[in-house]
C-alpha cells in the first residue's frame, strides 16, 4: 500500500482535473436541456417552416429558443440580418448553435447554420448570439428561418 501523501487520488492536480471534467460534463448536459427562459418555437399544423426575429440589446450576448423534433427529420436553420421598416439595427446577431437532445452541438456564423437530418428525438435548443469579435456592442438584429420537414418528406434526404 502506498503512503497517503503519494496516492494519486489525493493529488491537487488529480482533484483539479476531476473537478474540471465534472464541470465540462455538467455544462454539456445543461446545454441540451430546455431552460424556462427559452422562447418556444411552435409550428402550426401542416406548417414546415417558421421565422423568428429579434434584437439583442448592447448588454445581451445571446437568446435561446427551443423546439421539439424527431430523429430523421431534415432541417435547415438560416440566420439573416433583421431588415424592414423599424429594424433599427446596425449589427447582426449572426452566430447560431443548435444544441441537440443527445448532447451534440452544431452551428456556425451567419447564413445556413444547420442543414441536415436531426440525430435524435426530443427538445432542441437554438442559441442565437452576436459575434463578439466582429461587432461593436450595438443593438444586433436577426431573422431566423427554421424549416423542419416531416419524416415522410425527409426519408429520401436522410438515407
Protein backbone atom coordinates (compact mmCIF):
# COMPACT_ATOMS: atom_id res chain seq x y z
CA UNK A 1 0.00 0.00 0.00
CA UNK A 2 1.27 3.49 -0.89
CA UNK A 3 1.75 6.13 1.79
CA UNK A 4 -1.15 8.61 1.87
CA UNK A 5 0.93 11.55 0.56
CA UNK A 6 1.72 9.71 -2.68
CA UNK A 7 -1.78 8.48 -3.54
CA UNK A 8 -2.93 9.76 -6.88
CA UNK A 9 -6.46 10.45 -5.66
CA UNK A 10 -5.24 13.00 -3.08
CA UNK A 11 -3.07 14.87 -5.56
CA UNK A 12 -4.15 18.52 -6.12
CA UNK A 13 -3.61 18.05 -9.86
CA UNK A 14 -5.88 14.97 -9.89
CA UNK A 15 -8.58 16.80 -7.94
CA UNK A 16 -8.34 19.82 -10.22
CA UNK A 17 -8.62 17.65 -13.33
CA UNK A 18 -11.56 15.75 -11.87
CA UNK A 19 -13.44 18.96 -10.97
CA UNK A 20 -12.73 20.41 -14.40
CA UNK A 21 -14.07 17.25 -16.05
CA UNK A 22 -17.23 17.33 -13.95
CA UNK A 23 -17.76 20.98 -14.86
CA UNK A 24 -17.42 20.23 -18.58
CA UNK A 25 -19.85 17.31 -18.38
CA UNK A 26 -22.32 19.44 -16.44
CA UNK A 27 -22.07 22.26 -18.99
CA UNK A 28 -22.63 19.88 -21.92
CA UNK A 29 -25.59 18.22 -20.21
CA UNK A 30 -27.21 21.53 -19.29
CA UNK A 31 -26.86 22.97 -22.80
CA UNK A 32 -29.18 20.31 -24.21
CA UNK A 33 -31.83 20.69 -21.51
CA UNK A 34 -34.54 23.27 -22.21
CA UNK A 35 -34.47 26.25 -19.90
CA UNK A 36 -37.56 28.06 -18.60
CA UNK A 37 -36.31 31.28 -20.23
CA UNK A 38 -36.06 29.64 -23.68
CA UNK A 39 -38.53 31.05 -26.20
CA UNK A 40 -40.64 28.24 -27.65
CA UNK A 41 -40.80 27.83 -31.42
CA UNK A 42 -44.06 26.30 -32.50
CA UNK A 43 -45.21 25.17 -35.91
CA UNK A 44 -48.87 25.33 -36.90
CA UNK A 45 -50.42 22.04 -38.07
CA UNK A 46 -49.11 21.24 -41.53
CA UNK A 47 -46.53 24.04 -41.42
CA UNK A 48 -42.90 23.08 -42.20
CA UNK A 49 -41.27 26.46 -41.67
CA UNK A 50 -41.45 29.38 -39.31
CA UNK A 51 -39.48 32.57 -38.74
CA UNK A 52 -38.35 34.21 -35.53
CA UNK A 53 -36.91 37.71 -35.40
CA UNK A 54 -35.42 39.69 -32.60
CA UNK A 55 -32.89 42.17 -31.33
CA UNK A 56 -30.12 41.77 -28.80
CA UNK A 57 -29.56 44.92 -26.77
CA UNK A 58 -25.99 46.09 -26.21
CA UNK A 59 -25.90 44.22 -22.87
CA UNK A 60 -27.32 40.96 -24.30
CA UNK A 61 -24.99 38.46 -25.91
CA UNK A 62 -27.44 35.67 -26.75
CA UNK A 63 -31.04 34.49 -26.91
CA UNK A 64 -32.24 30.91 -26.62
CA UNK A 65 -35.12 29.23 -28.44
CA UNK A 66 -36.42 25.67 -28.16
CA UNK A 67 -38.45 23.35 -30.33
CA UNK A 68 -39.39 19.67 -30.47
CA UNK A 69 -38.40 17.47 -33.39
CA UNK A 70 -37.88 13.81 -34.22
CA UNK A 71 -34.84 11.87 -35.26
CA UNK A 72 -34.51 11.71 -39.05
CA UNK A 73 -36.31 14.97 -39.80
CA UNK A 74 -34.47 17.06 -42.41
CA UNK A 75 -33.86 20.55 -41.03
CA UNK A 76 -32.47 23.86 -42.28
CA UNK A 77 -31.80 26.82 -39.98
CA UNK A 78 -30.83 30.10 -41.66
CA UNK A 79 -29.87 33.37 -39.91
CA UNK A 80 -30.11 36.65 -41.83
CA UNK A 81 -29.95 40.34 -40.87
CA UNK A 82 -33.10 41.93 -39.47
CA UNK A 83 -34.48 44.01 -42.34
CA UNK A 84 -37.52 46.15 -42.92
CA UNK A 85 -39.15 49.21 -41.51
CA UNK A 86 -38.28 49.70 -37.86
CA UNK A 87 -35.40 47.22 -37.90
CA UNK A 88 -33.15 49.91 -36.46
CA UNK A 89 -30.07 47.74 -36.03
CA UNK A 90 -26.61 48.40 -37.39
CA UNK A 91 -25.30 44.99 -36.36
CA UNK A 92 -26.44 41.42 -36.94
CA UNK A 93 -26.58 38.65 -34.37
CA UNK A 94 -25.23 36.07 -36.78
CA UNK A 95 -23.97 33.21 -34.63
CA UNK A 96 -26.22 30.18 -34.34
CA UNK A 97 -25.64 26.94 -32.46
CA UNK A 98 -28.12 24.06 -32.37
CA UNK A 99 -27.94 22.06 -29.12
CA UNK A 100 -29.36 18.57 -29.61
CA UNK A 101 -31.07 16.24 -27.13
CA UNK A 102 -28.19 13.75 -27.42
CA UNK A 103 -25.63 16.35 -26.29
CA UNK A 104 -24.25 17.15 -29.75
CA UNK A 105 -23.92 20.72 -30.98
CA UNK A 106 -23.66 22.12 -34.49
CA UNK A 107 -23.56 25.65 -35.80
CA UNK A 108 -21.57 28.44 -37.36
CA UNK A 109 -21.62 32.15 -38.13
CA UNK A 110 -24.27 33.58 -40.44
CA UNK A 111 -26.30 32.14 -43.24
CA UNK A 112 -27.25 28.49 -43.00
CA UNK A 113 -26.05 27.40 -39.58
CA UNK A 114 -27.53 23.90 -39.75
CA UNK A 115 -28.63 21.72 -42.66
CA UNK A 116 -29.13 18.02 -42.27
CA UNK A 117 -31.02 15.19 -40.64
CA UNK A 118 -31.67 15.55 -36.93
CA UNK A 119 -29.89 12.80 -34.98
CA UNK A 120 -32.29 12.42 -32.02
CA UNK A 121 -35.89 12.92 -30.95
CA UNK A 122 -36.65 15.44 -28.24
CA UNK A 123 -36.17 19.07 -27.32
CA UNK A 124 -33.69 21.09 -29.36
CA UNK A 125 -32.24 24.38 -28.18
CA UNK A 126 -31.17 27.08 -30.62
CA UNK A 127 -28.74 29.73 -29.43
CA UNK A 128 -28.63 32.99 -31.40
CA UNK A 129 -25.72 35.24 -30.44
CA UNK A 130 -23.67 38.16 -31.60
CA UNK A 131 -20.16 37.64 -32.90
CA UNK A 132 -18.24 39.44 -30.15
CA UNK A 133 -15.13 39.67 -32.33
CA UNK A 134 -16.93 41.38 -35.23
CA UNK A 135 -19.42 43.71 -33.55
CA UNK A 136 -19.14 46.95 -31.62
CA UNK A 137 -21.68 46.20 -28.89
CA UNK A 138 -24.62 47.98 -30.51
CA UNK A 139 -28.14 46.57 -30.89
CA UNK A 140 -27.89 43.47 -33.08
CA UNK A 141 -30.90 42.20 -35.02
CA UNK A 142 -31.62 38.86 -36.64
CA UNK A 143 -34.22 36.91 -38.54
CA UNK A 144 -34.00 33.14 -38.30
CA UNK A 145 -35.92 30.77 -40.55
CA UNK A 146 -36.39 27.23 -39.28
CA UNK A 147 -37.51 24.56 -41.75
CA UNK A 148 -38.26 21.07 -40.45
CA UNK A 149 -39.62 18.58 -42.96
CA UNK A 150 -41.95 15.82 -41.78
CA UNK A 151 -40.45 12.34 -41.56
CA UNK A 152 -42.14 11.12 -44.77
CA UNK A 153 -40.63 14.04 -46.72
CA UNK A 154 -37.23 13.56 -45.04
CA UNK A 155 -36.78 9.87 -45.86
CA UNK A 156 -35.05 10.37 -49.21
CA UNK A 157 -32.80 13.12 -47.80
CA UNK A 158 -31.84 11.21 -44.65
CA UNK A 159 -30.78 7.86 -46.13
